[in-house]
Amino acid sequence: MDGRGYGINVWTFKFLETAIIDDRKNGENFNGLYQIPPDLFVKKLTRDCIEKTITDLLKQGNLEELLNQSK
């Protein structure tokens, strides 16, 4: 570890469905046509799930590059 810290936005797959439904009802995001996504989707919004996900991502490589592949 090199001491870097990160802040990420995390959504569940279920929340994505909810956000689209809400937008269809309230007319936002062109009635649910699009969503501006978070940095990471997980199955459950629990500490255990997020820690396992981040641990796995760190094993794959640089977290910043993995979560920001457009760079």
Protein backbone atom coordinates (compact mmCIF):
# COMPACT_ATOMS: atom_id res chain seq x y z
CA MET A 1 0.00 0.00 0.00
CA ASP A 2 1.27 3.45 -0.84
CA GLY A 3 -1.13 5.45 1.33
CA ARG A 4 -3.42 6.68 -1.44
CA GLY A 5 -7.05 7.14 -0.54
CA TYR A 6 -10.09 6.85 -2.79
CA GLY A 7 -13.65 8.00 -2.76
CA ILE A 8 -16.04 6.09 -5.00
CA ASN A 9 -19.75 6.07 -5.69
CA VAL A 10 -21.26 2.61 -5.33
CA TRP A 11 -24.70 1.47 -6.54
CA THR A 12 -26.42 -1.87 -6.50
CA PHE A 13 -27.84 -3.34 -9.69
CA LYS A 14 -31.29 -3.13 -8.07
CA PHE A 15 -30.87 0.60 -7.42
CA LEU A 16 -30.15 1.13 -11.11
CA GLU A 17 -33.56 -0.37 -11.90
CA THR A 18 -35.14 1.86 -9.25
CA ALA A 19 -33.44 4.99 -10.61
CA ILE A 20 -34.74 4.27 -14.12
CA ILE A 21 -38.29 3.70 -12.86
CA ASP A 22 -38.16 6.91 -10.80
CA ASP A 23 -36.91 8.88 -13.79
CA ARG A 24 -39.73 7.55 -15.94
CA LYS A 25 -42.18 8.79 -13.32
CA ASN A 26 -40.62 12.21 -12.71
CA GLY A 27 -39.36 12.93 -16.22
CA GLU A 28 -35.70 13.26 -15.28
CA ASN A 29 -32.86 12.03 -17.47
CA PHE A 30 -35.15 12.26 -20.50
CA ASN A 31 -37.70 9.99 -18.81
CA GLY A 32 -35.15 7.35 -17.85
CA LEU A 33 -33.48 7.18 -21.24
CA TYR A 34 -30.08 7.43 -19.56
CA GLN A 35 -28.37 7.32 -16.19
CA ILE A 36 -25.08 8.86 -15.16
CA PRO A 37 -23.47 5.82 -13.54
CA PRO A 38 -21.47 5.56 -10.35
CA ASP A 39 -17.89 4.34 -10.23
CA LEU A 40 -18.86 0.83 -9.24
CA PHE A 41 -21.87 -1.53 -9.22
CA VAL A 42 -22.10 -4.29 -6.61
CA LYS A 43 -24.60 -7.05 -5.89
CA LYS A 44 -25.28 -5.85 -2.33
CA LEU A 45 -24.54 -2.55 -0.62
CA THR A 46 -22.87 -4.13 2.39
CA ARG A 47 -19.43 -3.62 3.86
CA ASP A 48 -18.57 -7.27 3.22
CA CYS A 49 -19.55 -7.12 -0.45
CA ILE A 50 -17.74 -3.84 -1.06
CA GLU A 51 -14.58 -5.01 0.74
CA LYS A 52 -14.50 -8.27 -1.24
CA THR A 53 -15.02 -6.33 -4.46
CA ILE A 54 -12.25 -3.82 -3.75
CA THR A 55 -9.88 -6.60 -2.61
CA ASP A 56 -10.49 -8.47 -5.87
CA LEU A 57 -9.99 -5.32 -7.93
CA LEU A 58 -6.72 -4.57 -6.14
CA LYS A 59 -5.50 -8.08 -7.01
CA GLN A 60 -6.21 -7.30 -10.67
CA GLY A 61 -4.14 -4.14 -10.72
CA ASN A 62 -4.20 -0.40 -10.15
CA LEU A 63 -7.58 0.56 -8.68
CA GLU A 64 -7.56 3.99 -10.28
CA GLU A 65 -6.99 2.53 -13.75
CA LEU A 66 -9.56 -0.23 -13.28
CA LEU A 67 -12.29 2.18 -12.17
CA ASN A 68 -11.42 4.89 -14.71
CA GLN A 69 -10.76 2.96 -17.88
CA SER A 70 -11.45 5.99 -20.05
CA LYS A 71 -8.06 7.46 -19.06
